[in-house]
PDB file of N, CA and C in Angstrom:
ATOM      1  N   GLN A   1     133.135 151.583-110.511  1.00  0.00           N
ATOM      2  CA  GLN A   1     132.661 150.754-109.417  1.00  0.00           C
ATOM      3  C   GLN A   1     131.989 151.705-108.367  1.00  0.00           C
ATOM      4  N   VAL A   2     131.010 151.596-107.711  1.00  0.00           N
ATOM      5  CA  VAL A   2     130.356 152.287-106.778  1.00  0.00           C
ATOM      6  C   VAL A   2     129.567 151.019-105.799  1.00  0.00           C
ATOM      7  N   HIS A   3     130.383 151.305-104.556  1.00  0.00           N
ATOM      8  CA  HIS A   3     129.659 150.459-103.795  1.00  0.00           C
ATOM      9  C   HIS A   3     128.922 151.227-102.826  1.00  0.00           C
ATOM     10  N   LEU A   4     127.812 151.307-102.282  1.00  0.00           N
ATOM     11  CA  LEU A   4     126.807 152.065-101.147  1.00  0.00           C
ATOM     12  C   LEU A   4     126.783 150.959-100.003  1.00  0.00           C
ATOM     13  N   VAL A   5     126.569 151.368 -98.750  1.00  0.00           N
ATOM     14  CA  VAL A   5     126.046 150.734 -97.810  1.00  0.00           C
ATOM     15  C   VAL A   5     124.995 151.215 -96.942  1.00  0.00           C
ATOM     16  N   GLU A   6     124.766 150.836 -96.376  1.00  0.00           N
ATOM     17  CA  GLU A   6     122.985 151.254 -95.358  1.00  0.00           C
ATOM     18  C   GLU A   6     123.584 150.988 -94.353  1.00  0.00           C
ATOM     19  N   SER A   7     122.894 151.901 -93.420  1.00  0.00           N
ATOM     20  CA  SER A   7     122.844 151.492 -92.201  1.00  0.00           C
ATOM     21  C   SER A   7     121.584 152.800 -90.673  1.00  0.00           C
ATOM     22  N   GLY A   8     121.430 152.079 -89.820  1.00  0.00           N
ATOM     23  CA  GLY A   8     120.952 152.423 -89.152  1.00  0.00           C
ATOM     24  C   GLY A   8     119.468 152.481 -88.934  1.00  0.00           C
ATOM     25  N   GLY A   9     119.097 151.202 -89.803  1.00  0.00           N
ATOM     26  CA  GLY A   9     117.859 151.191 -89.398  1.00  0.00           C
ATOM     27  C   GLY A   9     117.018 150.314 -88.516  1.00  0.00           C
ATOM     28  N   GLY A  10     116.021 150.129 -87.863  1.00  0.00           N
ATOM     29  CA  GLY A  10     115.901 149.020 -86.987  1.00  0.00           C
ATOM     30  C   GLY A  10     114.311 149.279 -86.400  1.00  0.00           C
ATOM     31  N   LEU A  11     114.249 148.541 -84.963  1.00  0.00           N
ATOM     32  CA  LEU A  11     112.542 148.656 -84.848  1.00  0.00           C
ATOM     33  C   LEU A  11     112.600 149.752 -83.925  1.00  0.00           C
ATOM     34  N   VAL A  12     111.027 150.894 -84.092  1.00  0.00           N
ATOM     35  CA  VAL A  12     111.012 151.997 -83.162  1.00  0.00           C
ATOM     36  C   VAL A  12     109.577 152.180 -83.469  1.00  0.00           C
ATOM     37  N   GLN A  13     109.173 152.888 -82.128  1.00  0.00           N
ATOM     38  CA  GLN A  13     107.366 153.068 -81.999  1.00  0.00           C
ATOM     39  C   GLN A  13     106.799 153.896 -82.565  1.00  0.00           C
ATOM     40  N   PRO A  14     105.751 153.534 -83.050  1.00  0.00           N
ATOM     41  CA  PRO A  14     105.229 154.864 -83.834  1.00  0.00           C
ATOM     42  C   PRO A  14     105.422 156.309 -83.029  1.00  0.00           C
ATOM     43  N   GLY A  15     105.736 157.473 -83.988  1.00  0.00           N
ATOM     44  CA  GLY A  15     106.303 158.436 -83.511  1.00  0.00           C
ATOM     45  C   GLY A  15     107.229 158.812 -83.468  1.00  0.00           C
ATOM     46  N   GLY A  16     108.261 157.433 -83.352  1.00  0.00           N
ATOM     47  CA  GLY A  16     110.070 157.772 -82.844  1.00  0.00           C
ATOM     48  C   GLY A  16     110.739 157.838 -84.135  1.00  0.00           C
ATOM     49  N   SER A  17     111.791 158.235 -84.291  1.00  0.00           N
ATOM     50  CA  SER A  17     112.812 158.897 -85.010  1.00  0.00           C
ATOM     51  C   SER A  17     114.376 157.423 -85.381  1.00  0.00           C
ATOM     52  N   LEU A  18     114.298 157.668 -86.552  1.00  0.00           N
ATOM     53  CA  LEU A  18     115.840 157.063 -87.014  1.00  0.00           C
ATOM     54  C   LEU A  18     116.373 157.826 -88.094  1.00  0.00           C
ATOM     55  N   ARG A  19     117.735 157.585 -87.752  1.00  0.00           N
ATOM     56  CA  ARG A  19     118.581 158.676 -89.268  1.00  0.00           C
ATOM     57  C   ARG A  19     119.523 157.586 -89.925  1.00  0.00           C
ATOM     58  N   LEU A  20     119.195 157.258 -90.960  1.00  0.00           N
ATOM     59  CA  LEU A  20     119.492 156.278 -92.013  1.00  0.00           C
ATOM     60  C   LEU A  20     120.742 156.838 -92.780  1.00  0.00           C
ATOM     61  N   SER A  21     122.066 156.387 -93.282  1.00  0.00           N
ATOM     62  CA  SER A  21     123.046 156.657 -93.835  1.00  0.00           C
ATOM     63  C   SER A  21     123.654 155.844 -94.741  1.00  0.00           C
ATOM     64  N   CYS A  22     124.010 156.283 -95.735  1.00  0.00           N
ATOM     65  CA  CYS A  22     124.499 155.699 -96.656  1.00  0.00           C
ATOM     66  C   CYS A  22     126.036 155.998 -96.874  1.00  0.00           C
ATOM     67  N   ALA A  23     127.103 154.874 -96.639  1.00  0.00           N
ATOM     68  CA  ALA A  23     128.282 155.678 -97.285  1.00  0.00           C
ATOM     69  C   ALA A  23     128.232 155.148 -98.628  1.00  0.00           C
ATOM     70  N   ALA A  24     129.312 155.971 -99.250  1.00  0.00           N
ATOM     71  CA  ALA A  24     129.350 155.215-100.559  1.00  0.00           C
ATOM     72  C   ALA A  24     131.462 155.513-101.163  1.00  0.00           C
ATOM     73  N   SER A  25     131.510 154.425-101.481  1.00  0.00           N
ATOM     74  CA  SER A  25     133.129 154.303-101.986  1.00  0.00           C
ATOM     75  C   SER A  25     133.125 154.079-103.591  1.00  0.00           C
ATOM     76  N   GLY A  26     134.096 153.714-103.956  1.00  0.00           N
ATOM     77  CA  GLY A  26     134.540 153.350-105.568  1.00  0.00           C
ATOM     78  C   GLY A  26     134.686 154.517-106.178  1.00  0.00           C
ATOM     79  N   SER A  27     134.648 155.053-107.063  1.00  0.00           N
ATOM     80  CA  SER A  27     134.659 155.626-108.086  1.00  0.00           C
ATOM     81  C   SER A  27     133.704 157.024-108.007  1.00  0.00           C
ATOM     82  N   ILE A  28     133.958 157.537-106.870  1.00  0.00           N
ATOM     83  CA  ILE A  28     133.096 158.724-106.714  1.00  0.00           C
ATOM     84  C   ILE A  28     133.113 159.985-107.296  1.00  0.00           C
ATOM     85  N   PHE A  29     132.975 160.765-108.048  1.00  0.00           N
ATOM     86  CA  PHE A  29     133.300 162.142-107.815  1.00  0.00           C
ATOM     87  C   PHE A  29     132.660 162.910-107.198  1.00  0.00           C
ATOM     88  N   ARG A  30     131.246 163.074-106.884  1.00  0.00           N
ATOM     89  CA  ARG A  30     130.887 163.462-106.147  1.00  0.00           C
ATOM     90  C   ARG A  30     128.922 163.391-105.698  1.00  0.00           C
ATOM     91  N   LEU A  31     128.407 163.260-104.792  1.00  0.00           N
ATOM     92  CA  LEU A  31     127.414 162.643-104.901  1.00  0.00           C
ATOM     93  C   LEU A  31     126.663 163.457-104.824  1.00  0.00           C
ATOM     94  N   GLU A  32     126.338 163.962-106.147  1.00  0.00           N
ATOM     95  CA  GLU A  32     125.592 165.187-106.680  1.00  0.00           C
ATOM     96  C   GLU A  32     124.416 164.482-106.765  1.00  0.00           C
ATOM     97  N   VAL A  33     124.079 163.693-107.081  1.00  0.00           N
ATOM     98  CA  VAL A  33     122.536 163.102-107.052  1.00  0.00           C
ATOM     99  C   VAL A  33     122.475 161.842-106.562  1.00  0.00           C
ATOM    100  N   MET A  34     121.402 161.850-105.314  1.00  0.00           N
ATOM    101  CA  MET A  34     121.055 160.580-104.685  1.00  0.00           C
ATOM    102  C   MET A  34     119.465 160.316-103.579  1.00  0.00           C
ATOM    103  N   GLY A  35     119.249 158.836-104.333  1.00  0.00           N
ATOM    104  CA  GLY A  35     117.985 158.691-103.615  1.00  0.00           C
ATOM    105  C   GLY A  35     117.773 157.768-102.765  1.00  0.00           C
ATOM    106  N   TRP A  36     116.614 158.003-101.753  1.00  0.00           N
ATOM    107  CA  TRP A  36     116.320 157.136-101.077  1.00  0.00           C
ATOM    108  C   TRP A  36     115.284 156.410-100.980  1.00  0.00           C
ATOM    109  N   TYR A  37     114.999 154.754-101.480  1.00  0.00           N
ATOM    110  CA  TYR A  37     114.072 154.255-101.920  1.00  0.00           C
ATOM    111  C   TYR A  37     113.390 152.974-100.799  1.00  0.00           C
ATOM    112  N   ARG A  38     112.197 152.681-100.635  1.00  0.00           N
ATOM    113  CA  ARG A  38     111.460 151.959 -99.841  1.00  0.00           C
ATOM    114  C   ARG A  38     111.027 150.828-100.535  1.00  0.00           C
ATOM    115  N   GLN A  39     110.835 149.640 -99.881  1.00  0.00           N
ATOM    116  CA  GLN A  39     110.411 149.003-100.283  1.00  0.00           C
ATOM    117  C   GLN A  39     109.956 148.478 -99.114  1.00  0.00           C
ATOM    118  N   ALA A  40     108.261 148.497 -99.083  1.00  0.00           N
ATOM    119  CA  ALA A  40     107.131 147.530 -98.341  1.00  0.00           C
ATOM    120  C   ALA A  40     106.886 146.005 -98.981  1.00  0.00           C
ATOM    121  N   PRO A  41     106.494 145.083 -97.745  1.00  0.00           N
ATOM    122  CA  PRO A  41     106.095 143.950 -98.257  1.00  0.00           C
ATOM    123  C   PRO A  41     104.948 144.130 -99.253  1.00  0.00           C
ATOM    124  N   GLY A  42     105.235 143.169 -99.845  1.00  0.00           N
ATOM    125  CA  GLY A  42     104.354 143.212-101.247  1.00  0.00           C
ATOM    126  C   GLY A  42     103.734 144.123-101.964  1.00  0.00           C
ATOM    127  N   LYS A  43     104.752 145.271-101.872  1.00  0.00           N
ATOM    128  CA  LYS A  43     104.686 146.263-102.742  1.00  0.00           C
ATOM    129  C   LYS A  43     106.196 146.608-103.568  1.00  0.00           C
ATOM    130  N   GLN A  44     105.640 147.853-104.442  1.00  0.00           N
ATOM    131  CA  GLN A  44     106.910 147.828-105.488  1.00  0.00           C
ATOM    132  C   GLN A  44     107.868 148.913-104.471  1.00  0.00           C
ATOM    133  N   ARG A  45     109.239 149.037-105.043  1.00  0.00           N
ATOM    134  CA  ARG A  45     109.698 150.136-104.463  1.00  0.00           C
ATOM    135  C   ARG A  45     109.926 151.512-105.020  1.00  0.00           C
ATOM    136  N   GLU A  46     109.825 152.519-103.765  1.00  0.00           N
ATOM    137  CA  GLU A  46     108.847 153.779-104.131  1.00  0.00           C
ATOM    138  C   GLU A  46     110.411 154.536-104.085  1.00  0.00           C
ATOM    139  N   LEU A  47     110.440 155.865-104.387  1.00  0.00           N
ATOM    140  CA  LEU A  47     111.258 156.892-103.817  1.00  0.00           C
ATOM    141  C   LEU A  47     110.493 157.224-102.777  1.00  0.00           C
ATOM    142  N   VAL A  48     111.386 157.779-101.848  1.00  0.00           N
ATOM    143  CA  VAL A  48     110.910 158.378-101.067  1.00  0.00           C
ATOM    144  C   VAL A  48     111.460 159.835-100.612  1.00  0.00           C
ATOM    145  N   ALA A  49     112.736 159.923-101.269  1.00  0.00           N
ATOM    146  CA  ALA A  49     113.743 161.168-100.830  1.00  0.00           C
ATOM    147  C   ALA A  49     114.782 161.392-102.108  1.00  0.00           C
ATOM    148  N   ALA A  50     115.205 162.381-102.888  1.00  0.00           N
ATOM    149  CA  ALA A  50     116.587 162.370-103.486  1.00  0.00           C
ATOM    150  C   ALA A  50     116.867 164.101-103.228  1.00  0.00           C
ATOM    151  N   ILE A  51     118.418 164.067-103.644  1.00  0.00           N
ATOM    152  CA  ILE A  51     118.669 165.284-103.575  1.00  0.00           C
ATOM    153  C   ILE A  51     119.825 165.340-104.808  1.00  0.00           C
ATOM    154  N   ILE A  52     119.529 166.418-104.960  1.00  0.00           N
ATOM    155  CA  ILE A  52     119.988 166.903-106.450  1.00  0.00           C
ATOM    156  C   ILE A  52     121.213 167.835-106.979  1.00  0.00           C
ATOM    157  N   HIS A  53     121.503 167.879-108.170  1.00  0.00           N
ATOM    158  CA  HIS A  53     122.441 169.216-107.726  1.00  0.00           C
ATOM    159  C   HIS A  53     122.130 170.373-107.729  1.00  0.00           C
ATOM    160  N   GLY A  54     123.075 171.545-106.712  1.00  0.00           N
ATOM    161  CA  GLY A  54     123.222 172.453-106.149  1.00  0.00           C
ATOM    162  C   GLY A  54     122.167 172.277-104.704  1.00  0.00           C
ATOM    163  N   GLY A  55     122.031 170.749-103.757  1.00  0.00           N
ATOM    164  CA  GLY A  55     121.794 170.723-102.555  1.00  0.00           C
ATOM    165  C   GLY A  55     120.236 170.702-102.796  1.00  0.00           C
ATOM    166  N   SER A  56     119.595 170.812-103.756  1.00  0.00           N
ATOM    167  CA  SER A  56     117.855 171.032-103.689  1.00  0.00           C
ATOM    168  C   SER A  56     117.403 169.057-103.603  1.00  0.00           C
ATOM    169  N   THR A  57     116.296 169.385-102.869  1.00  0.00           N
ATOM    170  CA  THR A  57     115.454 167.875-102.408  1.00  0.00           C
ATOM    171  C   THR A  57     114.555 168.318-102.700  1.00  0.00           C
ATOM    172  N   SER A  58     113.695 166.606-102.690  1.00  0.00           N
ATOM    173  CA  SER A  58     112.509 166.402-102.926  1.00  0.00           C
ATOM    174  C   SER A  58     112.165 164.993-102.481  1.00  0.00           C
ATOM    175  N   TYR A  59     110.948 165.132-102.130  1.00  0.00           N
ATOM    176  CA  TYR A  59     110.235 164.349-101.670  1.00  0.00           C
ATOM    177  C   TYR A  59     109.151 163.445-101.962  1.00  0.00           C
ATOM    178  N   ALA A  60     108.343 162.663-101.488  1.00  0.00           N
ATOM    179  CA  ALA A  60     107.275 162.097-101.337  1.00  0.00           C
ATOM    180  C   ALA A  60     106.086 162.311-100.444  1.00  0.00           C
ATOM    181  N   ASP A  61     104.766 162.676-101.166  1.00  0.00           N
ATOM    182  CA  ASP A  61     103.929 163.350-100.123  1.00  0.00           C
ATOM    183  C   ASP A  61     103.862 162.621 -98.873  1.00  0.00           C
ATOM    184  N   SER A  62     103.575 161.171 -98.566  1.00  0.00           N
ATOM    185  CA  SER A  62     104.032 160.258 -97.994  1.00  0.00           C
ATOM    186  C   SER A  62     104.949 160.867 -96.460  1.00  0.00           C
ATOM    187  N   VAL A  63     105.954 161.331 -97.059  1.00  0.00           N
ATOM    188  CA  VAL A  63     106.872 161.856 -96.156  1.00  0.00           C
ATOM    189  C   VAL A  63     107.192 163.122 -96.081  1.00  0.00           C
ATOM    190  N   LYS A  64     106.629 163.853 -96.359  1.00  0.00           N
ATOM    191  CA  LYS A  64     106.860 165.444 -96.478  1.00  0.00           C
ATOM    192  C   LYS A  64     106.829 166.299 -95.131  1.00  0.00           C
ATOM    193  N   GLY A  65     107.642 166.818 -94.687  1.00  0.00           N
ATOM    194  CA  GLY A  65     107.546 167.417 -93.218  1.00  0.00           C
ATOM    195  C   GLY A  65     108.086 166.443 -91.783  1.00  0.00           C
ATOM    196  N   ARG A  66     108.368 165.210 -92.505  1.00  0.00           N
ATOM    197  CA  ARG A  66     108.669 164.201 -91.711  1.00  0.00           C
ATOM    198  C   ARG A  66     110.177 163.812 -92.085  1.00  0.00           C
ATOM    199  N   PHE A  67     110.934 163.577 -92.837  1.00  0.00           N
ATOM    200  CA  PHE A  67     111.928 163.243 -93.618  1.00  0.00           C
ATOM    201  C   PHE A  67     112.879 164.208 -94.043  1.00  0.00           C
ATOM    202  N   THR A  68     114.197 164.216 -93.842  1.00  0.00           N
ATOM    203  CA  THR A  68     114.851 164.996 -94.836  1.00  0.00           C
ATOM    204  C   THR A  68     115.930 164.238 -95.219  1.00  0.00           C
ATOM    205  N   ILE A  69     116.971 164.395 -96.340  1.00  0.00           N
ATOM    206  CA  ILE A  69     117.391 164.088 -96.943  1.00  0.00           C
ATOM    207  C   ILE A  69     118.704 165.248 -96.767  1.00  0.00           C
ATOM    208  N   SER A  70     120.402 164.552 -96.653  1.00  0.00           N
ATOM    209  CA  SER A  70     121.052 165.315 -96.549  1.00  0.00           C
ATOM    210  C   SER A  70     122.693 164.594 -97.182  1.00  0.00           C
ATOM    211  N   ARG A  71     123.281 165.270 -97.445  1.00  0.00           N
ATOM    212  CA  ARG A  71     124.884 164.821 -97.682  1.00  0.00           C
ATOM    213  C   ARG A  71     126.192 165.491 -97.286  1.00  0.00           C
ATOM    214  N   ASN A  72     127.281 164.389 -97.083  1.00  0.00           N
ATOM    215  CA  ASN A  72     128.370 165.222 -96.403  1.00  0.00           C
ATOM    216  C   ASN A  72     129.305 164.691 -97.732  1.00  0.00           C
ATOM    217  N   ASN A  73     129.457 165.467 -98.413  1.00  0.00           N
ATOM    218  CA  ASN A  73     130.747 164.883 -99.628  1.00  0.00           C
ATOM    219  C   ASN A  73     131.624 165.240 -98.717  1.00  0.00           C
ATOM    220  N   ALA A  74     132.334 165.269 -98.146  1.00  0.00           N
ATOM    221  CA  ALA A  74     133.550 165.213 -97.150  1.00  0.00           C
ATOM    222  C   ALA A  74     134.057 163.781 -96.984  1.00  0.00           C
ATOM    223  N   LYS A  75     132.196 163.362 -96.434  1.00  0.00           N
ATOM    224  CA  LYS A  75     132.485 161.843 -96.055  1.00  0.00           C
ATOM    225  C   LYS A  75     131.605 160.833 -96.705  1.00  0.00           C
ATOM    226  N   ASN A  76     131.259 161.477 -98.037  1.00  0.00           N
ATOM    227  CA  ASN A  76     130.626 160.292 -99.194  1.00  0.00           C
ATOM    228  C   ASN A  76     129.804 159.738 -98.515  1.00  0.00           C
ATOM    229  N   THR A  77     128.816 160.685 -97.948  1.00  0.00           N
ATOM    230  CA  THR A  77     127.662 159.820 -97.091  1.00  0.00           C
ATOM    231  C   THR A  77     126.569 160.612 -96.950  1.00  0.00           C
ATOM    232  N   VAL A  78     125.504 159.734 -97.387  1.00  0.00           N
ATOM    233  CA  VAL A  78     124.231 160.871 -97.741  1.00  0.00           C
ATOM    234  C   VAL A  78     123.560 160.314 -96.411  1.00  0.00           C
ATOM    235  N   TYR A  79     122.632 160.945 -96.106  1.00  0.00           N
ATOM    236  CA  TYR A  79     121.710 160.582 -94.671  1.00  0.00           C
ATOM    237  C   TYR A  79     120.239 160.594 -94.988  1.00  0.00           C
ATOM    238  N   LEU A  80     119.553 160.559 -94.203  1.00  0.00           N
ATOM    239  CA  LEU A  80     117.751 160.436 -94.270  1.00  0.00           C
ATOM    240  C   LEU A  80     117.358 160.567 -92.637  1.00  0.00           C
ATOM    241  N   GLN A  81     116.815 161.683 -92.443  1.00  0.00           N
ATOM    242  CA  GLN A  81     116.561 161.581 -90.830  1.00  0.00           C
ATOM    243  C   GLN A  81     114.840 161.552 -91.054  1.00  0.00           C
ATOM    244  N   MET A  82     114.416 160.496 -90.006  1.00  0.00           N
ATOM    245  CA  MET A  82     113.315 160.539 -90.597  1.00  0.00           C
ATOM    246  C   MET A  82     112.719 160.176 -88.808  1.00  0.00           C
ATOM    247  N   ASN A  83     111.759 161.240 -89.371  1.00  0.00           N
ATOM    248  CA  ASN A  83     110.837 161.521 -87.649  1.00  0.00           C
ATOM    249  C   ASN A  83     109.498 161.400 -87.590  1.00  0.00           C
ATOM    250  N   ASN A  84     108.448 161.349 -86.283  1.00  0.00           N
ATOM    251  CA  ASN A  84     107.614 161.320 -86.643  1.00  0.00           C
ATOM    252  C   ASN A  84     107.248 159.800 -87.823  1.00  0.00           C
ATOM    253  N   LEU A  85     107.585 158.979 -87.023  1.00  0.00           N
ATOM    254  CA  LEU A  85     107.845 157.421 -88.305  1.00  0.00           C
ATOM    255  C   LEU A  85     106.302 157.024 -87.524  1.00  0.00           C
ATOM    256  N   LYS A  86     105.584 156.399 -88.874  1.00  0.00           N
ATOM    257  CA  LYS A  86     104.422 155.901 -89.083  1.00  0.00           C
ATOM    258  C   LYS A  86     104.455 154.267 -89.252  1.00  0.00           C
ATOM    259  N   PRO A  87     103.237 153.970 -88.639  1.00  0.00           N
ATOM    260  CA  PRO A  87     103.629 151.937 -89.120  1.00  0.00           C
ATOM    261  C   PRO A  87     103.931 152.178 -90.801  1.00  0.00           C
ATOM    262  N   GLU A  88     102.961 152.730 -91.371  1.00  0.00           N
ATOM    263  CA  GLU A  88     103.230 152.665 -92.746  1.00  0.00           C
ATOM    264  C   GLU A  88     104.940 152.900 -93.350  1.00  0.00           C
ATOM    265  N   ASP A  89     105.603 153.639 -92.447  1.00  0.00           N
ATOM    266  CA  ASP A  89     107.172 153.407 -93.288  1.00  0.00           C
ATOM    267  C   ASP A  89     107.444 152.645 -93.145  1.00  0.00           C
ATOM    268  N   THR A  90     107.314 151.158 -92.444  1.00  0.00           N
ATOM    269  CA  THR A  90     107.701 150.119 -92.612  1.00  0.00           C
ATOM    270  C   THR A  90     107.911 149.470 -93.848  1.00  0.00           C
ATOM    271  N   GLY A  91     109.348 149.000 -94.149  1.00  0.00           N
ATOM    272  CA  GLY A  91     109.670 148.299 -95.002  1.00  0.00           C
ATOM    273  C   GLY A  91     111.425 148.399 -95.035  1.00  0.00           C
ATOM    274  N   VAL A  92     111.979 148.198 -96.564  1.00  0.00           N
ATOM    275  CA  VAL A  92     113.561 147.863 -96.463  1.00  0.00           C
ATOM    276  C   VAL A  92     113.993 149.548 -97.490  1.00  0.00           C
ATOM    277  N   TYR A  93     114.984 150.131 -96.734  1.00  0.00           N
ATOM    278  CA  TYR A  93     115.395 151.526 -97.287  1.00  0.00           C
ATOM    279  C   TYR A  93     116.894 151.073 -98.288  1.00  0.00           C
ATOM    280  N   TYR A  94     116.609 151.680 -99.184  1.00  0.00           N
ATOM    281  CA  TYR A  94     117.577 151.562 -99.983  1.00  0.00           C
ATOM    282  C   TYR A  94     118.133 152.563-100.634  1.00  0.00           C
ATOM    283  N   CYS A  95     119.545 153.067-100.623  1.00  0.00           N
ATOM    284  CA  CYS A  95     119.828 154.422-101.245  1.00  0.00           C
ATOM    285  C   CYS A  95     120.616 154.447-102.508  1.00  0.00           C
ATOM    286  N   MET A  96     120.459 154.522-103.199  1.00  0.00           N
ATOM    287  CA  MET A  96     120.435 154.684-104.675  1.00  0.00           C
ATOM    288  C   MET A  96     121.226 156.042-105.604  1.00  0.00           C
ATOM    289  N   LYS A  97     122.432 155.648-105.833  1.00  0.00           N
ATOM    290  CA  LYS A  97     123.036 156.645-107.299  1.00  0.00           C
ATOM    291  C   LYS A  97     123.095 156.219-108.658  1.00  0.00           C
ATOM    292  N   PRO A  98     122.565 157.144-109.397  1.00  0.00           N
ATOM    293  CA  PRO A  98     122.475 156.592-110.624  1.00  0.00           C
ATOM    294  C   PRO A  98     123.923 156.981-111.160  1.00  0.00           C
ATOM    295  N   GLY A  99     123.989 155.899-112.277  1.00  0.00           N
ATOM    296  CA  GLY A  99     125.303 155.228-112.750  1.00  0.00           C
ATOM    297  C   GLY A  99     125.479 155.813-114.606  1.00  0.00           C
ATOM    298  N   ALA A 100     126.169 155.588-115.120  1.00  0.00           N
ATOM    299  CA  ALA A 100     126.098 156.319-116.350  1.00  0.00           C
ATOM    300  C   ALA A 100     125.401 154.854-117.400  1.00  0.00           C
ATOM    301  N   GLU A 101     125.673 153.583-117.098  1.00  0.00           N
ATOM    302  CA  GLU A 101     124.895 153.037-117.765  1.00  0.00           C
ATOM    303  C   GLU A 101     123.911 152.101-117.061  1.00  0.00           C
ATOM    304  N   SER A 102     123.985 151.867-115.409  1.00  0.00           N
ATOM    305  CA  SER A 102     122.865 151.332-114.718  1.00  0.00           C
ATOM    306  C   SER A 102     123.255 151.995-113.394  1.00  0.00           C
ATOM    307  N   ASP A 103     122.444 151.966-112.654  1.00  0.00           N
ATOM    308  CA  ASP A 103     121.891 152.281-111.124  1.00  0.00           C
ATOM    309  C   ASP A 103     122.777 151.895-110.650  1.00  0.00           C
ATOM    310  N   TYR A 104     123.154 152.267-109.365  1.00  0.00           N
ATOM    311  CA  TYR A 104     123.879 151.348-107.570  1.00  0.00           C
ATOM    312  C   TYR A 104     123.050 151.679-107.373  1.00  0.00           C
ATOM    313  N   TRP A 105     122.956 150.573-106.326  1.00  0.00           N
ATOM    314  CA  TRP A 105     121.976 149.952-105.488  1.00  0.00           C
ATOM    315  C   TRP A 105     122.361 149.900-104.021  1.00  0.00           C
ATOM    316  N   GLY A 106     122.561 150.138-102.864  1.00  0.00           N
ATOM    317  CA  GLY A 106     123.039 149.522-101.665  1.00  0.00           C
ATOM    318  C   GLY A 106     122.490 148.205-101.212  1.00  0.00           C
ATOM    319  N   GLN A 107     122.555 146.707-100.088  1.00  0.00           N
ATOM    320  CA  GLN A 107     122.098 146.119 -99.868  1.00  0.00           C
ATOM    321  C   GLN A 107     120.700 146.411 -98.703  1.00  0.00           C
ATOM    322  N   GLY A 108     120.561 147.373 -98.764  1.00  0.00           N
ATOM    323  CA  GLY A 108     119.019 147.807 -97.966  1.00  0.00           C
ATOM    324  C   GLY A 108     119.427 147.513 -96.567  1.00  0.00           C
ATOM    325  N   THR A 109     118.551 148.575 -95.418  1.00  0.00           N
ATOM    326  CA  THR A 109     118.446 148.320 -94.024  1.00  0.00           C
ATOM    327  C   THR A 109     117.083 148.469 -93.871  1.00  0.00           C
ATOM    328  N   GLN A 110     116.710 147.494 -92.824  1.00  0.00           N
ATOM    329  CA  GLN A 110     115.170 146.811 -92.496  1.00  0.00           C
ATOM    330  C   GLN A 110     114.943 148.349 -91.704  1.00  0.00           C
ATOM    331  N   VAL A 111     113.645 149.029 -92.075  1.00  0.00           N
ATOM    332  CA  VAL A 111     112.987 149.907 -90.638  1.00  0.00           C
ATOM    333  C   VAL A 111     111.592 149.371 -90.513  1.00  0.00           C
ATOM    334  N   THR A 112     111.340 148.886 -89.204  1.00  0.00           N
ATOM    335  CA  THR A 112     110.392 148.699 -88.616  1.00  0.00           C
ATOM    336  C   THR A 112     109.368 149.603 -87.742  1.00  0.00           C
ATOM    337  N   VAL A 113     108.417 149.912 -87.906  1.00  0.00           N
ATOM    338  CA  VAL A 113     107.972 151.048 -87.056  1.00  0.00           C
ATOM    339  C   VAL A 113     106.481 150.087 -86.531  1.00  0.00           C
ATOM    340  N   SER A 114     106.451 149.997 -85.348  1.00  0.00           N
ATOM    341  CA  SER A 114     105.647 148.990 -84.405  1.00  0.00           C
ATOM    342  C   SER A 114     105.471 149.210 -82.623  1.00  0.00           C
ATOM    343  N   SER A 115     104.515 149.385 -82.587  1.00  0.00           N
ATOM    344  CA  SER A 115     104.163 149.735 -81.067  1.00  0.00           C
ATOM    345  C   SER A 115     104.243 147.936 -80.160  1.00  0.00           C
TER     346      SER A 115
END
């Protein structure tokens, strides 16, 4: 069993920054593949950023150049650095770890970008 806990969300003005953290515990071998998703009100959950084997990263077009995903395997933690935030970045952010039978999700952290 894997337990994921997100933190770092909050209210920020447009142009501001936040750093989200996802702490993993339980039956973890390595955080080889992890993803950050977000769900805006009334919209489907979408993939924002992912980090895969070897440290390669990928991003949604809407966040490229503004968001950075990284991980610290020693701390079993994955991060999402979000810069130059826009109102359309508002939503609940979730981290996800693929599992053998089903994926593991955290409870989410709210990010609100508003003046």
